[in-house]
Amino acid sequence: LTTDPGLETGLRQIRGATPGSMMTFFFLPCAGGSSWQRLNYSRPGGPQIARRHKALFNKLWAKSEVLARETYASGGYVAIEWPRICDYWKLPMVQEFMSQYNLAISDFDGCAYNLRSSVKSNAGAYILKPWRFATTCLQLRSHLSHKCNRSHKHAPCAGADTKKTESYTDLLVYHIHQAWEE
């Protein structure tokens, strides 16, 4: 999506779909909006890394807006996903986008969708990742609303588990598919 050919591929997919039969998900990297970035900023090389993350985000966001506009015009659905604590949710351009397309927020917790640690010292323990979707799809919102019931202990979403939590659990994917089927 950082290249014009990548954008054209996305546009072709949207334009080739039956009107109203598709959803465009935006899973843009959240590293630049992570609370860890605020901590890392004071470390050697931190400001340069933060600038690279911001530049990548800006490039991806500009192309995402083009794809969203095309999706919305074709009667399709739009969804954005980041952790709830990601600073990107607060950006004016993201807020304007959400308002323009009337995206509604759905907050849910990773442990409620079987997100577990694979780190040896915490293997199998639930991870309480605070996820958020903003979407035009009401069914997606209803399926992705489960929060932790506090009946279990949590492993930290840190270290080797952090990268793993970028991926979705089978249960989360199941709910996304169920929502789409509805």
Protein backbone atom coordinates (compact mmCIF):
# COMPACT_ATOMS: atom_id res chain seq x y z
CA LEU A 1 0.00 0.00 0.00
CA THR A 2 3.01 2.29 0.19
CA THR A 3 3.34 2.24 -3.60
CA ASP A 4 1.10 3.39 -6.43
CA PRO A 5 0.94 -0.15 -7.89
CA GLY A 6 -0.15 -1.39 -4.46
CA LEU A 7 -2.89 1.22 -4.33
CA GLU A 8 -4.00 0.33 -7.87
CA THR A 9 -4.23 -3.34 -6.88
CA GLY A 10 -6.51 -2.41 -4.00
CA LEU A 11 -8.66 -0.18 -6.18
CA ARG A 12 -9.02 -2.94 -8.79
CA GLN A 13 -10.20 -5.36 -6.09
CA ILE A 14 -12.78 -2.91 -4.81
CA ARG A 15 -14.00 -1.95 -8.28
CA GLY A 16 -14.22 -5.61 -9.31
CA ALA A 17 -16.43 -6.60 -6.38
CA THR A 18 -20.19 -6.75 -6.48
CA PRO A 19 -21.49 -3.48 -4.99
CA GLY A 20 -22.09 -3.80 -1.26
CA SER A 21 -20.36 -7.19 -1.07
CA MET A 22 -17.05 -6.24 0.46
CA MET A 23 -15.34 -4.86 3.50
CA THR A 24 -12.00 -3.10 3.47
CA PHE A 25 -10.04 -3.66 6.67
CA PHE A 26 -7.27 -1.28 7.61
CA PHE A 27 -4.69 -3.01 9.77
CA LEU A 28 -2.06 -0.29 9.66
CA PRO A 29 1.04 -0.68 11.83
CA CYS A 30 0.44 0.84 15.25
CA ALA A 31 4.05 1.05 16.44
CA GLY A 32 4.22 4.83 16.01
CA GLY A 33 1.12 5.28 18.14
CA SER A 34 2.20 2.86 20.85
CA SER A 35 2.75 4.02 24.40
CA TRP A 36 6.16 2.35 24.13
CA GLN A 37 7.15 5.02 21.59
CA ARG A 38 6.81 7.69 24.25
CA LEU A 39 9.25 5.76 26.42
CA ASN A 40 11.63 4.95 23.58
CA TYR A 41 11.73 8.55 22.40
CA SER A 42 14.21 9.47 25.13
CA ARG A 43 16.58 6.65 24.22
CA PRO A 44 19.39 6.92 21.67
CA GLY A 45 17.91 6.77 18.18
CA GLY A 46 14.37 7.05 19.57
CA PRO A 47 13.40 10.28 17.78
CA GLN A 48 14.62 8.93 14.43
CA ILE A 49 12.65 5.71 14.88
CA ALA A 50 9.56 7.70 15.84
CA ARG A 51 9.89 9.83 12.69
CA ARG A 52 10.15 6.71 10.52
CA HIS A 53 7.02 5.25 12.12
CA LYS A 54 5.14 8.52 11.61
CA ALA A 55 6.27 8.82 7.98
CA LEU A 56 5.12 5.26 7.24
CA PHE A 57 1.80 5.86 8.96
CA ASN A 58 1.19 9.08 7.00
CA LYS A 59 1.96 7.35 3.71
CA LEU A 60 -0.32 4.40 4.52
CA TRP A 61 -3.09 6.60 5.86
CA ALA A 62 -3.24 8.73 2.72
CA LYS A 63 -3.65 5.60 0.56
CA SER A 64 -6.14 4.11 3.03
CA GLU A 65 -8.36 7.16 2.67
CA VAL A 66 -8.45 6.60 -1.10
CA LEU A 67 -9.43 2.95 -0.65
CA ALA A 68 -12.03 3.81 1.97
CA ARG A 69 -13.61 6.41 -0.27
CA GLU A 70 -13.86 3.85 -3.10
CA THR A 71 -15.21 1.15 -0.77
CA TYR A 72 -17.81 3.44 0.73
CA ALA A 73 -18.90 4.69 -2.71
CA SER A 74 -19.47 1.09 -3.82
CA GLY A 75 -21.72 0.38 -0.82
CA GLY A 76 -19.06 -1.62 0.98
CA TYR A 77 -18.00 -1.55 4.60
CA VAL A 78 -14.89 -0.10 6.21
CA ALA A 79 -13.07 -1.16 9.38
CA ILE A 80 -9.95 0.07 11.18
CA GLU A 81 -8.17 -1.94 13.87
CA TRP A 82 -5.59 -0.87 16.46
CA PRO A 83 -5.13 -1.36 20.19
CA ARG A 84 -7.47 0.87 22.21
CA ILE A 85 -4.51 2.74 23.68
CA CYS A 86 -2.97 3.60 20.30
CA ASP A 87 -2.40 7.34 19.95
CA TYR A 88 -3.50 7.20 16.31
CA TRP A 89 -7.15 7.10 17.42
CA LYS A 90 -6.69 10.68 18.67
CA LEU A 91 -5.22 12.10 15.47
CA PRO A 92 -7.45 14.76 13.86
CA MET A 93 -7.26 13.06 10.45
CA VAL A 94 -8.41 9.75 11.99
CA GLN A 95 -11.19 11.47 13.94
CA GLU A 96 -12.35 13.27 10.78
CA PHE A 97 -12.26 10.02 8.82
CA MET A 98 -14.35 8.25 11.45
CA SER A 99 -16.85 11.08 11.48
CA GLN A 100 -17.04 11.35 7.69
CA TYR A 101 -17.79 7.64 7.25
CA ASN A 102 -19.79 7.30 10.48
CA LEU A 103 -17.56 4.60 11.90
CA ALA A 104 -18.69 3.26 15.26
CA ILE A 105 -16.28 1.95 17.86
CA SER A 106 -16.22 -1.59 19.16
CA ASP A 107 -13.88 -2.32 22.07
CA PHE A 108 -12.97 -5.84 23.09
CA ASP A 109 -10.27 -7.74 24.96
CA GLY A 110 -7.90 -10.29 23.48
CA CYS A 111 -8.33 -12.76 26.33
CA ALA A 112 -12.07 -12.93 25.60
CA TYR A 113 -11.07 -14.26 22.16
CA ASN A 114 -8.53 -16.76 23.52
CA LEU A 115 -5.39 -14.65 23.10
CA ARG A 116 -2.67 -16.48 25.04
CA SER A 117 1.00 -16.15 25.79
CA SER A 118 3.55 -18.33 24.06
CA VAL A 119 6.46 -17.16 26.23
CA LYS A 120 7.81 -20.11 28.19
CA SER A 121 7.36 -18.50 31.61
CA ASN A 122 3.73 -17.60 30.87
CA ALA A 123 2.82 -20.24 28.28
CA GLY A 124 -0.93 -20.58 27.91
CA ALA A 125 -1.83 -17.64 30.15
CA TYR A 126 -4.35 -15.21 28.74
CA ILE A 127 -3.22 -11.84 27.43
CA LEU A 128 -5.47 -8.88 28.09
CA LYS A 129 -4.91 -6.95 24.88
CA PRO A 130 -7.26 -3.97 24.67
CA TRP A 131 -8.36 -4.05 21.01
CA ARG A 132 -10.54 -1.58 19.14
CA PHE A 133 -12.30 -1.72 15.80
CA ALA A 134 -13.99 1.28 14.24
CA THR A 135 -16.36 0.14 11.54
CA THR A 136 -19.43 0.82 9.44
CA CYS A 137 -20.50 -2.82 9.86
CA LEU A 138 -22.97 -3.20 12.74
CA GLN A 139 -22.65 -6.99 12.74
CA LEU A 140 -18.90 -6.71 13.27
CA ARG A 141 -19.49 -4.41 16.22
CA SER A 142 -21.87 -6.88 17.85
CA HIS A 143 -19.48 -9.82 17.42
CA LEU A 144 -16.42 -7.92 18.63
CA SER A 145 -17.61 -6.61 21.94
CA HIS A 146 -16.57 -9.26 24.47
CA LYS A 147 -14.47 -8.05 27.36
CA CYS A 148 -12.50 -9.87 30.01
CA ASN A 149 -14.69 -11.42 32.70
CA ARG A 150 -11.78 -11.27 35.21
CA SER A 151 -12.03 -14.99 35.95
CA HIS A 152 -8.40 -15.65 35.04
CA LYS A 153 -4.90 -14.23 35.41
CA HIS A 154 -3.11 -12.44 32.59
CA ALA A 155 0.36 -12.58 31.14
CA PRO A 156 1.74 -9.20 30.16
CA CYS A 157 1.44 -8.09 26.55
CA ALA A 158 5.18 -7.50 26.37
CA GLY A 159 8.42 -8.88 25.01
CA ALA A 160 8.10 -11.79 22.60
CA ASP A 161 4.31 -11.86 23.01
CA THR A 162 3.91 -8.28 21.74
CA LYS A 163 4.61 -9.14 18.09
CA LYS A 164 2.43 -12.25 18.33
CA THR A 165 -0.56 -10.18 19.42
CA GLU A 166 -0.60 -8.50 16.00
CA SER A 167 -2.12 -11.73 14.71
CA TYR A 168 -5.70 -12.75 15.35
CA THR A 169 -6.72 -15.82 17.28
CA ASP A 170 -8.83 -18.48 15.59
CA LEU A 171 -11.79 -17.43 17.76
CA LEU A 172 -11.46 -13.79 16.74
CA VAL A 173 -11.29 -14.77 13.06
CA TYR A 174 -14.36 -16.97 13.56
CA HIS A 175 -16.31 -14.00 14.93
CA ILE A 176 -15.19 -11.76 12.08
CA HIS A 177 -16.39 -14.37 9.58
CA GLN A 178 -19.67 -14.87 11.46
CA ALA A 179 -20.28 -11.12 11.39
CA TRP A 180 -19.59 -10.98 7.67
CA GLU A 181 -21.87 -13.95 7.00
CA GLU A 182 -24.69 -12.11 8.81
